[in-house]
Every structure is written in structure tokens, then in C-alpha cells.
Amino acid sequence: MRRKPSPRAENLRRAVAVEAARIMAEHGIRDFLVAKRKAAQRFGVEDGAVLPKNLEIEEALAEYQRLFVPQLHAASLEAQRRAALRAMRWLEEFSPRIVGPVLAGTATEHASVQLHLFADRVETVALRLLDRRLAYEVIERRVKMNADRVLAFPGIVFHVDDQPIETTVFPTDGIRQAPASPLDGRPMRRADVEELEALLAVG
């Protein structure tokens, strides 16, 4: 039978989550593990069992944004989502889906917009960006599909309205299987243009 954590351990776990969220918000760190390690170091935590899950840190990040930077967060999130919408409309033929913190609403002002595109060749996406006279960089992205499988896919990075856009280009049939979320390991939430438009209308 698994032992229930002590109140002290629970309080420490919560403190590490809050500190990791602050680090991500104030220093632009996007990697949960890096933020978690920095927060654990500050509190002298060496027991991995005390460390919070990524989902707990995201919840603490949302709370931080709501309490300390509500206006800044709302403005930066709207700018990120509007840039995402423009990019998705430009790349409509590749069935774009927005993912990650900008979709979830927890993106910091330092975050990039993350898009999934679906094409048989990354060059066809690059040609569309050239048509728009947009500078871009082709990169490789490693994507965790499930607990046992990590695959490499091409990606393209460019900017819209000064907002960095990071895309991952999957094969056309990749739209049927979303990668694992870094938060809880479940299939990542993806949203199309219509869903993003609805989010902007609500905001």
C-alpha cells in the first residue's frame, strides 16, 4: 500500500510548483524539467518523490498569471493568438492546428506559438512562406508520440507580427494521431482555425 505524503512533503511540493511557475513566467523558461530543477535547488529538495508533476506547475503558472500579471498576460496572449490565426490562414492547405501553451491560455510573453502542419514534404510549406516573402528556418523537432516512442519530424520557424511561430510538419496522415502532451502524457490537444477564432471572440 502506497504511503500518503506527509503534510510537510505536500507543502514543499506545492512550494516547488509555485516557484517553478514563477521562474517560467519571469525568465521565459519553457522546459518544465529545467524550471522544476531550479525551483527544487532553491528549496534544497533532492527527493524526486517530492517534485510536482508538470500539470501541477501549469496550474500554478495559470494562478500566477491571474494574480500578478493579468493585464500583461491577457494582452500578450491575444497578440500570440492573433498571430497564430494569421499564420494558420496563410497555411490553410496544410490543415494547421494550434497546440501548446498559447492554445491552453498559459503562455508567457516569451512563448512561441506552436503549430502542427500536415504535408508530405516540408519543402511545400517552405514554398508557401516564400510566397509571403517570410524569412524562415528549417529545423528538426523530436516529438514524443507515446511513453515508448520519440520520432523526429521537420519543423519551420518564422515570425508573424513579431511573434515567433514554431511549426512541426507531420505526414498528412499524422493528423489522426496527436503526440503525447508533456503535461500528462495523454494525446495533445489540437485546435483548428474555427476553434481559435472562437477563443479570440470569447477573449
N, C-alpha and C. Protein backbone atom coordinates (compact mmCIF):
# COMPACT_ATOMS: atom_id res chain seq x y z
N MET A 1 0.84 -1.19 0.00
CA MET A 1 0.00 0.00 0.00
C MET A 1 0.88 1.25 0.00
N ARG A 2 0.55 2.17 -0.89
CA ARG A 2 1.36 3.38 -1.02
C ARG A 2 1.10 4.33 0.14
N ARG A 3 2.20 4.85 0.73
CA ARG A 3 2.07 5.76 1.86
C ARG A 3 1.62 7.13 1.40
N LYS A 4 0.74 7.72 2.16
CA LYS A 4 0.28 9.07 1.87
C LYS A 4 1.37 10.06 2.24
N PRO A 5 1.67 11.03 1.35
CA PRO A 5 2.73 12.00 1.66
C PRO A 5 2.38 12.79 2.93
N SER A 6 3.41 13.13 3.67
CA SER A 6 3.20 13.92 4.88
C SER A 6 2.77 15.34 4.51
N PRO A 7 2.12 16.05 5.44
CA PRO A 7 1.74 17.46 5.16
C PRO A 7 2.94 18.31 4.79
N ARG A 8 4.09 18.06 5.42
CA ARG A 8 5.29 18.84 5.09
C ARG A 8 5.71 18.59 3.65
N ALA A 9 5.67 17.33 3.23
CA ALA A 9 6.05 16.99 1.86
C ALA A 9 5.08 17.62 0.86
N GLU A 10 3.81 17.62 1.20
CA GLU A 10 2.80 18.21 0.31
C GLU A 10 3.02 19.72 0.19
N ASN A 11 3.31 20.37 1.31
CA ASN A 11 3.56 21.81 1.30
C ASN A 11 4.81 22.14 0.48
N LEU A 12 5.83 21.29 0.64
CA LEU A 12 7.07 21.51 -0.11
C LEU A 12 6.83 21.31 -1.61
N ARG A 13 6.05 20.30 -1.92
CA ARG A 13 5.71 20.03 -3.33
C ARG A 13 5.00 21.23 -3.94
N ARG A 14 4.06 21.79 -3.19
CA ARG A 14 3.32 22.95 -3.67
C ARG A 14 4.26 24.16 -3.83
N ALA A 15 5.17 24.35 -2.89
CA ALA A 15 6.11 25.47 -2.95
C ALA A 15 7.01 25.35 -4.18
N VAL A 16 7.45 24.15 -4.48
CA VAL A 16 8.30 23.93 -5.66
C VAL A 16 7.52 24.23 -6.93
N ALA A 17 6.25 23.81 -6.97
CA ALA A 17 5.41 24.07 -8.15
C ALA A 17 5.24 25.57 -8.36
N VAL A 18 4.97 26.30 -7.28
CA VAL A 18 4.77 27.75 -7.37
C VAL A 18 6.05 28.45 -7.82
N GLU A 19 7.19 28.03 -7.26
CA GLU A 19 8.47 28.64 -7.64
C GLU A 19 8.83 28.32 -9.09
N ALA A 20 8.57 27.09 -9.52
CA ALA A 20 8.84 26.71 -10.91
C ALA A 20 7.97 27.55 -11.86
N ALA A 21 6.72 27.78 -11.47
CA ALA A 21 5.83 28.61 -12.29
C ALA A 21 6.36 30.04 -12.38
N ARG A 22 6.83 30.57 -11.25
CA ARG A 22 7.38 31.94 -11.25
C ARG A 22 8.60 32.03 -12.16
N ILE A 23 9.46 31.03 -12.09
CA ILE A 23 10.66 31.01 -12.93
C ILE A 23 10.27 30.99 -14.42
N MET A 24 9.29 30.19 -14.76
CA MET A 24 8.85 30.12 -16.15
C MET A 24 8.26 31.45 -16.61
N ALA A 25 7.47 32.08 -15.74
CA ALA A 25 6.81 33.33 -16.11
C ALA A 25 7.80 34.48 -16.22
N GLU A 26 8.74 34.57 -15.31
CA GLU A 26 9.63 35.73 -15.24
C GLU A 26 10.90 35.60 -16.07
N HIS A 27 11.32 34.38 -16.32
CA HIS A 27 12.60 34.19 -17.02
C HIS A 27 12.45 33.56 -18.40
N GLY A 28 11.21 33.31 -18.81
CA GLY A 28 10.99 32.80 -20.15
C GLY A 28 11.43 31.36 -20.36
N ILE A 29 11.60 30.61 -19.28
CA ILE A 29 11.98 29.20 -19.40
C ILE A 29 10.76 28.40 -19.81
N ARG A 30 10.90 27.59 -20.83
CA ARG A 30 9.76 26.84 -21.35
C ARG A 30 9.77 25.37 -20.94
N ASP A 31 10.93 24.88 -20.53
CA ASP A 31 11.08 23.47 -20.20
C ASP A 31 10.67 23.24 -18.74
N PHE A 32 9.65 22.43 -18.54
CA PHE A 32 9.17 22.16 -17.18
C PHE A 32 10.26 21.56 -16.31
N LEU A 33 11.04 20.65 -16.87
CA LEU A 33 12.06 19.97 -16.08
C LEU A 33 13.13 20.96 -15.60
N VAL A 34 13.54 21.86 -16.48
CA VAL A 34 14.54 22.86 -16.10
C VAL A 34 14.02 23.75 -14.98
N ALA A 35 12.79 24.24 -15.14
CA ALA A 35 12.19 25.09 -14.11
C ALA A 35 12.03 24.34 -12.79
N LYS A 36 11.64 23.08 -12.90
CA LYS A 36 11.43 22.24 -11.72
C LYS A 36 12.75 22.04 -10.96
N ARG A 37 13.81 21.81 -11.69
CA ARG A 37 15.12 21.59 -11.06
C ARG A 37 15.62 22.86 -10.39
N LYS A 38 15.43 24.00 -11.03
CA LYS A 38 15.86 25.28 -10.44
C LYS A 38 15.07 25.56 -9.16
N ALA A 39 13.77 25.29 -9.20
CA ALA A 39 12.93 25.51 -8.02
C ALA A 39 13.32 24.55 -6.90
N ALA A 40 13.58 23.30 -7.24
CA ALA A 40 13.97 22.31 -6.24
C ALA A 40 15.30 22.69 -5.59
N GLN A 41 16.21 23.21 -6.40
CA GLN A 41 17.51 23.63 -5.87
C GLN A 41 17.35 24.76 -4.86
N ARG A 42 16.45 25.68 -5.16
CA ARG A 42 16.25 26.80 -4.24
C ARG A 42 15.75 26.32 -2.89
N PHE A 43 14.89 25.29 -2.89
CA PHE A 43 14.34 24.79 -1.63
C PHE A 43 15.15 23.62 -1.05
N GLY A 44 16.24 23.27 -1.70
CA GLY A 44 17.07 22.18 -1.21
C GLY A 44 16.40 20.82 -1.30
N VAL A 45 15.52 20.65 -2.27
CA VAL A 45 14.80 19.37 -2.44
C VAL A 45 15.63 18.43 -3.30
N GLU A 46 15.92 17.26 -2.76
CA GLU A 46 16.67 16.25 -3.50
C GLU A 46 15.85 14.99 -3.74
N ASP A 47 14.75 14.85 -3.02
CA ASP A 47 13.90 13.68 -3.16
C ASP A 47 12.95 13.87 -4.35
N GLY A 48 13.13 13.06 -5.38
CA GLY A 48 12.30 13.18 -6.58
C GLY A 48 10.83 12.96 -6.32
N ALA A 49 10.50 12.23 -5.27
CA ALA A 49 9.10 11.96 -4.96
C ALA A 49 8.36 13.22 -4.53
N VAL A 50 9.11 14.23 -4.09
CA VAL A 50 8.50 15.48 -3.63
C VAL A 50 8.24 16.44 -4.80
N LEU A 51 8.90 16.20 -5.92
CA LEU A 51 8.77 17.13 -7.04
C LEU A 51 7.36 17.09 -7.65
N PRO A 52 6.82 18.26 -8.03
CA PRO A 52 5.47 18.30 -8.61
C PRO A 52 5.46 17.78 -10.04
N LYS A 53 4.30 17.36 -10.47
CA LYS A 53 4.12 16.96 -11.87
C LYS A 53 4.01 18.21 -12.73
N ASN A 54 4.23 18.04 -14.03
CA ASN A 54 4.15 19.18 -14.95
C ASN A 54 2.78 19.84 -14.92
N LEU A 55 1.74 19.03 -14.79
CA LEU A 55 0.38 19.57 -14.75
C LEU A 55 0.19 20.48 -13.54
N GLU A 56 0.81 20.13 -12.41
CA GLU A 56 0.72 20.97 -11.20
C GLU A 56 1.42 22.29 -11.42
N ILE A 57 2.53 22.26 -12.15
CA ILE A 57 3.25 23.50 -12.43
C ILE A 57 2.44 24.38 -13.37
N GLU A 58 1.81 23.78 -14.37
CA GLU A 58 0.98 24.57 -15.28
C GLU A 58 -0.18 25.23 -14.53
N GLU A 59 -0.78 24.51 -13.61
CA GLU A 59 -1.86 25.08 -12.81
C GLU A 59 -1.35 26.25 -11.96
N ALA A 60 -0.15 26.10 -11.41
CA ALA A 60 0.45 27.18 -10.62
C ALA A 60 0.80 28.37 -11.52
N LEU A 61 1.19 28.09 -12.76
CA LEU A 61 1.51 29.16 -13.71
C LEU A 61 0.26 29.96 -14.06
N ALA A 62 -0.84 29.26 -14.29
CA ALA A 62 -2.11 29.94 -14.58
C ALA A 62 -2.52 30.81 -13.40
N GLU A 63 -2.32 30.32 -12.19
CA GLU A 63 -2.66 31.09 -11.00
C GLU A 63 -1.76 32.32 -10.87
N TYR A 64 -0.48 32.15 -11.14
CA TYR A 64 0.47 33.28 -11.09
C TYR A 64 0.04 34.37 -12.08
N GLN A 65 -0.29 33.97 -13.29
CA GLN A 65 -0.69 34.93 -14.31
C GLN A 65 -1.97 35.66 -13.91
N ARG A 66 -2.89 34.94 -13.32
CA ARG A 66 -4.17 35.52 -12.91
C ARG A 66 -4.00 36.51 -11.76
N LEU A 67 -3.07 36.22 -10.86
CA LEU A 67 -2.90 37.05 -9.66
C LEU A 67 -1.95 38.23 -9.87
N PHE A 68 -0.86 38.01 -10.61
CA PHE A 68 0.22 39.00 -10.64
C PHE A 68 0.33 39.80 -11.94
N VAL A 69 -0.02 39.19 -13.06
CA VAL A 69 0.14 39.90 -14.34
C VAL A 69 -1.09 39.72 -15.23
N PRO A 70 -2.29 39.95 -14.72
CA PRO A 70 -3.49 39.65 -15.52
C PRO A 70 -3.59 40.45 -16.80
N GLN A 71 -3.29 41.75 -16.75
CA GLN A 71 -3.43 42.59 -17.95
C GLN A 71 -2.33 42.29 -18.97
N LEU A 72 -1.10 42.16 -18.49
CA LEU A 72 0.01 41.82 -19.38
C LEU A 72 -0.24 40.47 -20.03
N HIS A 73 -0.68 39.51 -19.25
CA HIS A 73 -0.92 38.17 -19.77
C HIS A 73 -2.03 38.18 -20.82
N ALA A 74 -3.12 38.88 -20.54
CA ALA A 74 -4.24 38.92 -21.48
C ALA A 74 -3.82 39.55 -22.80
N ALA A 75 -3.04 40.64 -22.72
CA ALA A 75 -2.61 41.34 -23.93
C ALA A 75 -1.64 40.49 -24.75
N SER A 76 -0.67 39.86 -24.08
CA SER A 76 0.32 39.06 -24.81
C SER A 76 -0.33 37.81 -25.41
N LEU A 77 -1.26 37.21 -24.67
CA LEU A 77 -1.94 36.01 -25.17
C LEU A 77 -2.78 36.34 -26.40
N GLU A 78 -3.47 37.47 -26.37
CA GLU A 78 -4.27 37.85 -27.55
C GLU A 78 -3.37 38.09 -28.76
N ALA A 79 -2.23 38.76 -28.55
CA ALA A 79 -1.30 39.00 -29.66
C ALA A 79 -0.78 37.69 -30.22
N GLN A 80 -0.46 36.75 -29.35
CA GLN A 80 0.03 35.44 -29.80
C GLN A 80 -1.04 34.69 -30.58
N ARG A 81 -2.26 34.72 -30.08
CA ARG A 81 -3.34 34.01 -30.76
C ARG A 81 -3.70 34.65 -32.10
N ARG A 82 -3.64 35.97 -32.18
CA ARG A 82 -3.94 36.64 -33.46
C ARG A 82 -2.84 36.35 -34.49
N ALA A 83 -1.60 36.31 -34.05
CA ALA A 83 -0.52 35.93 -34.96
C ALA A 83 -0.68 34.49 -35.42
N ALA A 84 -1.09 33.62 -34.50
CA ALA A 84 -1.33 32.22 -34.85
C ALA A 84 -2.43 32.10 -35.89
N LEU A 85 -3.49 32.88 -35.71
CA LEU A 85 -4.61 32.82 -36.64
C LEU A 85 -4.18 33.27 -38.04
N ARG A 86 -3.39 34.33 -38.13
CA ARG A 86 -2.90 34.77 -39.44
C ARG A 86 -2.06 33.69 -40.10
N ALA A 87 -1.17 33.09 -39.33
CA ALA A 87 -0.31 32.04 -39.88
C ALA A 87 -1.14 30.84 -40.33
N MET A 88 -2.12 30.47 -39.55
CA MET A 88 -2.95 29.31 -39.89
C MET A 88 -3.76 29.57 -41.15
N ARG A 89 -4.25 30.78 -41.32
CA ARG A 89 -4.99 31.12 -42.54
C ARG A 89 -4.07 31.09 -43.76
N TRP A 90 -2.84 31.58 -43.60
CA TRP A 90 -1.89 31.55 -44.70
C TRP A 90 -1.54 30.11 -45.11
N LEU A 91 -1.51 29.22 -44.12
CA LEU A 91 -1.10 27.83 -44.35
C LEU A 91 -2.27 26.87 -44.32
N GLU A 92 -3.42 27.36 -44.73
CA GLU A 92 -4.67 26.60 -44.62
C GLU A 92 -4.61 25.25 -45.31
N GLU A 93 -3.89 25.15 -46.42
CA GLU A 93 -3.86 23.90 -47.18
C GLU A 93 -3.17 22.77 -46.42
N PHE A 94 -2.46 23.12 -45.34
CA PHE A 94 -1.74 22.10 -44.57
C PHE A 94 -2.49 21.73 -43.29
N SER A 95 -3.79 22.02 -43.24
CA SER A 95 -4.66 21.66 -42.10
C SER A 95 -4.04 22.06 -40.76
N PRO A 96 -3.65 23.31 -40.59
CA PRO A 96 -2.93 23.71 -39.37
C PRO A 96 -3.74 23.53 -38.10
N ARG A 97 -3.05 23.14 -37.05
CA ARG A 97 -3.64 23.01 -35.72
C ARG A 97 -2.73 23.73 -34.73
N ILE A 98 -3.32 24.53 -33.86
CA ILE A 98 -2.54 25.16 -32.82
C ILE A 98 -2.50 24.25 -31.60
N VAL A 99 -1.35 24.21 -30.93
CA VAL A 99 -1.17 23.36 -29.76
C VAL A 99 -0.40 24.14 -28.70
N GLY A 100 -0.25 23.54 -27.54
CA GLY A 100 0.64 24.10 -26.53
C GLY A 100 0.06 25.23 -25.69
N PRO A 101 0.94 25.98 -25.02
CA PRO A 101 0.51 26.99 -24.05
C PRO A 101 -0.34 28.12 -24.63
N VAL A 102 -0.10 28.51 -25.89
CA VAL A 102 -0.92 29.58 -26.47
C VAL A 102 -2.36 29.11 -26.62
N LEU A 103 -2.55 27.87 -26.99
CA LEU A 103 -3.90 27.30 -27.04
C LEU A 103 -4.48 27.16 -25.65
N ALA A 104 -3.68 26.65 -24.71
CA ALA A 104 -4.18 26.40 -23.36
C ALA A 104 -4.46 27.68 -22.59
N GLY A 105 -3.80 28.79 -23.01
CA GLY A 105 -4.00 30.05 -22.32
C GLY A 105 -3.01 30.31 -21.21
N THR A 106 -1.96 29.50 -21.13
CA THR A 106 -0.95 29.67 -20.08
C THR A 106 0.39 30.17 -20.62
N ALA A 107 0.42 30.58 -21.89
CA ALA A 107 1.68 31.04 -22.48
C ALA A 107 2.18 32.30 -21.79
N THR A 108 3.47 32.36 -21.54
CA THR A 108 4.08 33.59 -21.04
C THR A 108 4.35 34.50 -22.23
N GLU A 109 4.74 35.73 -21.96
CA GLU A 109 5.03 36.66 -23.05
C GLU A 109 6.23 36.22 -23.88
N HIS A 110 7.04 35.30 -23.33
CA HIS A 110 8.23 34.83 -24.03
C HIS A 110 7.95 33.62 -24.92
N ALA A 111 6.76 33.07 -24.84
CA ALA A 111 6.46 31.81 -25.51
C ALA A 111 6.31 31.97 -27.02
N SER A 112 6.62 30.92 -27.75
CA SER A 112 6.37 30.86 -29.18
C SER A 112 5.00 30.22 -29.43
N VAL A 113 4.39 30.62 -30.53
CA VAL A 113 3.18 29.94 -30.99
C VAL A 113 3.61 28.59 -31.56
N GLN A 114 2.93 27.52 -31.18
CA GLN A 114 3.26 26.19 -31.69
C GLN A 114 2.13 25.70 -32.58
N LEU A 115 2.49 25.35 -33.82
CA LEU A 115 1.53 24.84 -34.79
C LEU A 115 1.94 23.46 -35.28
N HIS A 116 0.96 22.61 -35.54
CA HIS A 116 1.19 21.36 -36.25
C HIS A 116 0.65 21.52 -37.66
N LEU A 117 1.47 21.15 -38.64
CA LEU A 117 1.08 21.17 -40.05
C LEU A 117 1.18 19.76 -40.61
N PHE A 118 0.48 19.53 -41.72
CA PHE A 118 0.44 18.18 -42.28
C PHE A 118 0.70 18.25 -43.78
N ALA A 119 1.85 17.72 -44.19
CA ALA A 119 2.27 17.77 -45.59
C ALA A 119 3.24 16.62 -45.85
N ASP A 120 3.28 16.15 -47.08
CA ASP A 120 4.19 15.06 -47.40
C ASP A 120 5.64 15.52 -47.48
N ARG A 121 5.84 16.82 -47.77
CA ARG A 121 7.21 17.35 -47.86
C ARG A 121 7.26 18.72 -47.19
N VAL A 122 8.27 18.93 -46.38
CA VAL A 122 8.41 20.21 -45.70
C VAL A 122 8.67 21.34 -46.70
N GLU A 123 9.22 20.98 -47.86
CA GLU A 123 9.52 22.00 -48.87
C GLU A 123 8.26 22.69 -49.37
N THR A 124 7.14 21.99 -49.40
CA THR A 124 5.91 22.63 -49.88
C THR A 124 5.45 23.71 -48.92
N VAL A 125 5.68 23.49 -47.63
CA VAL A 125 5.37 24.53 -46.63
C VAL A 125 6.31 25.70 -46.81
N ALA A 126 7.58 25.41 -47.00
CA ALA A 126 8.57 26.47 -47.18
C ALA A 126 8.24 27.34 -48.39
N LEU A 127 7.75 26.73 -49.46
CA LEU A 127 7.39 27.50 -50.65
C LEU A 127 6.26 28.48 -50.37
N ARG A 128 5.31 28.06 -49.53
CA ARG A 128 4.20 28.97 -49.19
C ARG A 128 4.72 30.17 -48.41
N LEU A 129 5.69 29.93 -47.55
CA LEU A 129 6.27 31.05 -46.79
C LEU A 129 7.06 31.97 -47.71
N LEU A 130 7.72 31.39 -48.70
CA LEU A 130 8.44 32.21 -49.67
C LEU A 130 7.47 33.08 -50.46
N ASP A 131 6.29 32.52 -50.78
CA ASP A 131 5.27 33.29 -51.48
C ASP A 131 4.86 34.53 -50.68
N ARG A 132 4.93 34.39 -49.34
CA ARG A 132 4.59 35.51 -48.45
C ARG A 132 5.80 36.39 -48.15
N ARG A 133 6.91 36.04 -48.75
CA ARG A 133 8.18 36.76 -48.51
C ARG A 133 8.55 36.76 -47.02
N LEU A 134 8.35 35.62 -46.41
CA LEU A 134 8.68 35.47 -44.99
C LEU A 134 10.00 34.72 -44.84
N ALA A 135 10.88 35.26 -44.04
CA ALA A 135 12.12 34.55 -43.72
C ALA A 135 11.78 33.38 -42.79
N TYR A 136 12.46 32.26 -42.98
CA TYR A 136 12.18 31.09 -42.16
C TYR A 136 13.44 30.26 -41.96
N GLU A 137 13.36 29.36 -41.01
CA GLU A 137 14.46 28.42 -40.74
C GLU A 137 13.87 27.03 -40.62
N VAL A 138 14.47 26.07 -41.31
CA VAL A 138 14.04 24.67 -41.21
C VAL A 138 14.83 24.01 -40.08
N ILE A 139 14.13 23.34 -39.20
CA ILE A 139 14.77 22.69 -38.05
C ILE A 139 14.28 21.25 -37.96
N GLU A 140 14.82 20.53 -37.02
CA GLU A 140 14.31 19.18 -36.71
C GLU A 140 13.73 19.21 -35.30
N ARG A 141 12.57 18.60 -35.16
CA ARG A 141 11.92 18.56 -33.85
C ARG A 141 11.72 17.10 -33.45
N ARG A 142 12.06 16.80 -32.20
CA ARG A 142 11.85 15.45 -31.67
C ARG A 142 10.54 15.46 -30.89
N VAL A 143 9.66 14.57 -31.25
CA VAL A 143 8.30 14.57 -30.72
C VAL A 143 8.02 13.24 -30.02
N LYS A 144 7.53 13.33 -28.80
CA LYS A 144 7.18 12.14 -28.04
C LYS A 144 5.76 11.71 -28.43
N MET A 145 5.67 10.59 -29.12
CA MET A 145 4.37 10.12 -29.58
C MET A 145 3.62 9.36 -28.49
N ASN A 146 4.37 8.61 -27.68
CA ASN A 146 3.80 7.93 -26.52
C ASN A 146 4.95 7.65 -25.56
N ALA A 147 4.67 6.86 -24.53
CA ALA A 147 5.68 6.64 -23.49
C ALA A 147 6.94 5.97 -24.02
N ASP A 148 6.81 5.22 -25.13
CA ASP A 148 7.94 4.43 -25.62
C ASP A 148 8.51 4.91 -26.95
N ARG A 149 7.90 5.90 -27.56
CA ARG A 149 8.30 6.24 -28.93
C ARG A 149 8.51 7.74 -29.10
N VAL A 150 9.73 8.12 -29.50
CA VAL A 150 10.06 9.51 -29.83
C VAL A 150 10.51 9.53 -31.28
N LEU A 151 9.89 10.38 -32.09
CA LEU A 151 10.20 10.46 -33.52
C LEU A 151 10.69 11.85 -33.88
N ALA A 152 11.49 11.93 -34.93
CA ALA A 152 11.98 13.21 -35.42
C ALA A 152 11.13 13.65 -36.62
N PHE A 153 10.72 14.91 -36.61
CA PHE A 153 9.97 15.49 -37.72
C PHE A 153 10.61 16.82 -38.09
N PRO A 154 10.48 17.24 -39.35
CA PRO A 154 10.97 18.56 -39.71
C PRO A 154 10.08 19.64 -39.13
N GLY A 155 10.64 20.80 -38.94
CA GLY A 155 9.87 21.93 -38.47
C GLY A 155 10.33 23.20 -39.16
N ILE A 156 9.51 24.22 -39.10
CA ILE A 156 9.85 25.51 -39.68
C ILE A 156 9.55 26.59 -38.66
N VAL A 157 10.49 27.51 -38.50
CA VAL A 157 10.33 28.63 -37.57
C VAL A 157 10.29 29.92 -38.38
N PHE A 158 9.30 30.76 -38.11
CA PHE A 158 9.21 32.06 -38.76
C PHE A 158 8.49 33.02 -37.82
N HIS A 159 8.29 34.26 -38.25
CA HIS A 159 7.64 35.26 -37.41
C HIS A 159 6.44 35.87 -38.11
N VAL A 160 5.41 36.14 -37.33
CA VAL A 160 4.24 36.87 -37.80
C VAL A 160 3.95 37.96 -36.78
N ASP A 161 3.91 39.21 -37.23
CA ASP A 161 3.66 40.34 -36.32
C ASP A 161 4.61 40.30 -35.11
N ASP A 162 5.87 40.00 -35.37
CA ASP A 162 6.92 39.94 -34.34
C ASP A 162 6.74 38.78 -33.36
N GLN A 163 5.78 37.90 -33.63
CA GLN A 163 5.58 36.73 -32.77
C GLN A 163 6.27 35.52 -33.40
N PRO A 164 7.11 34.81 -32.64
CA PRO A 164 7.74 33.61 -33.19
C PRO A 164 6.74 32.47 -33.36
N ILE A 165 6.75 31.86 -34.53
CA ILE A 165 5.87 30.73 -34.84
C ILE A 165 6.74 29.51 -35.05
N GLU A 166 6.53 28.47 -34.27
CA GLU A 166 7.28 27.22 -34.42
C GLU A 166 6.33 26.14 -34.91
N THR A 167 6.62 25.60 -36.07
CA THR A 167 5.76 24.55 -36.62
C THR A 167 6.47 23.20 -36.61
N THR A 168 5.69 22.17 -36.48
CA THR A 168 6.16 20.80 -36.69
C THR A 168 5.38 20.26 -37.87
N VAL A 169 6.08 19.72 -38.86
CA VAL A 169 5.43 19.25 -40.08
C VAL A 169 5.35 17.72 -40.04
N PHE A 170 4.12 17.23 -39.86
CA PHE A 170 3.85 15.80 -39.83
C PHE A 170 3.43 15.32 -41.22
N PRO A 171 3.54 14.02 -41.49
CA PRO A 171 2.94 13.50 -42.73
C PRO A 171 1.44 13.77 -42.73
N THR A 172 0.83 13.73 -43.90
CA THR A 172 -0.59 14.07 -43.99
C THR A 172 -1.47 13.18 -43.11
N ASP A 173 -1.10 11.92 -42.93
CA ASP A 173 -1.92 11.05 -42.08
C ASP A 173 -1.61 11.23 -40.59
N GLY A 174 -0.64 12.12 -40.27
CA GLY A 174 -0.31 12.37 -38.88
C GLY A 174 -1.40 13.12 -38.13
N ILE A 175 -2.38 13.62 -38.86
CA ILE A 175 -3.47 14.35 -38.22
C ILE A 175 -4.35 13.42 -37.40
N ARG A 176 -4.20 12.11 -37.66
CA ARG A 176 -5.05 11.14 -36.95
C ARG A 176 -4.53 10.80 -35.57
N GLN A 177 -3.25 11.03 -35.32
CA GLN A 177 -2.67 10.70 -34.01
C GLN A 177 -1.90 11.88 -33.46
N ALA A 178 -2.41 12.48 -32.39
CA ALA A 178 -1.72 13.60 -31.75
C ALA A 178 -0.59 13.06 -30.88
N PRO A 179 0.52 13.78 -30.79
CA PRO A 179 1.61 13.36 -29.90
C PRO A 179 1.17 13.41 -28.44
N ALA A 180 2.03 12.88 -27.57
CA ALA A 180 1.73 12.89 -26.15
C ALA A 180 1.96 14.29 -25.58
N SER A 181 1.07 14.73 -24.74
CA SER A 181 1.22 16.02 -24.08
C SER A 181 2.35 15.95 -23.05
N PRO A 182 3.19 16.97 -22.96
CA PRO A 182 4.23 16.98 -21.92
C PRO A 182 3.65 17.17 -20.52
N LEU A 183 2.38 17.51 -20.44
CA LEU A 183 1.75 17.73 -19.14
C LEU A 183 1.32 16.44 -18.47
N ASP A 184 0.62 15.58 -19.23
CA ASP A 184 0.07 14.38 -18.60
C ASP A 184 0.24 13.12 -19.43
N GLY A 185 0.90 13.21 -20.58
CA GLY A 185 1.13 12.03 -21.39
C GLY A 185 -0.04 11.63 -22.26
N ARG A 186 -1.16 12.29 -22.12
CA ARG A 186 -2.33 11.99 -22.95
C ARG A 186 -2.17 12.65 -24.32
N PRO A 187 -2.99 12.26 -25.32
CA PRO A 187 -2.89 12.90 -26.63
C PRO A 187 -3.02 14.41 -26.51
N MET A 188 -2.12 15.13 -27.16
CA MET A 188 -2.07 16.58 -27.09
C MET A 188 -3.33 17.19 -27.70
N ARG A 189 -3.83 18.22 -27.06
CA ARG A 189 -4.99 18.92 -27.59
C ARG A 189 -4.56 19.74 -28.81
N ARG A 190 -5.33 19.62 -29.88
CA ARG A 190 -5.10 20.39 -31.10
C ARG A 190 -6.37 21.16 -31.44
N ALA A 191 -6.23 22.38 -31.96
CA ALA A 191 -7.40 23.17 -32.33
C ALA A 191 -7.21 23.73 -33.73
N ASP A 192 -8.30 23.74 -34.51
CA ASP A 192 -8.23 24.27 -35.87
C ASP A 192 -8.56 25.76 -35.89
N VAL A 193 -8.64 26.33 -37.07
CA VAL A 193 -8.87 27.77 -37.22
C VAL A 193 -10.17 28.20 -36.56
N GLU A 194 -11.23 27.41 -36.78
CA GLU A 194 -12.53 27.78 -36.23
C GLU A 194 -12.51 27.82 -34.71
N GLU A 195 -11.84 26.87 -34.09
CA GLU A 195 -11.75 26.85 -32.63
C GLU A 195 -10.95 28.04 -32.11
N LEU A 196 -9.88 28.39 -32.82
CA LEU A 196 -9.07 29.54 -32.41
C LEU A 196 -9.86 30.83 -32.57
N GLU A 197 -10.61 30.95 -33.65
CA GLU A 197 -11.47 32.13 -33.83
C GLU A 197 -12.46 32.26 -32.69
N ALA A 198 -13.02 31.13 -32.25
CA ALA A 198 -13.96 31.15 -31.14
C ALA A 198 -13.29 31.61 -29.85
N LEU A 199 -12.06 31.18 -29.61
CA LEU A 199 -11.32 31.59 -28.43
C LEU A 199 -11.07 33.10 -28.44
N LEU A 200 -10.73 33.63 -29.59
CA LEU A 200 -10.48 35.07 -29.71
C LEU A 200 -11.77 35.87 -29.52
N ALA A 201 -12.87 35.31 -30.00
CA ALA A 201 -14.16 36.01 -29.84
C ALA A 201 -14.56 36.07 -28.38
N VAL A 202 -14.30 34.99 -27.64
CA VAL A 202 -14.63 34.95 -26.22
C VAL A 202 -13.73 35.91 -25.46
N GLY A 203 -12.42 35.92 -25.83
CA GLY A 203 -11.48 36.78 -25.13
C GLY A 203 -11.76 38.24 -25.38
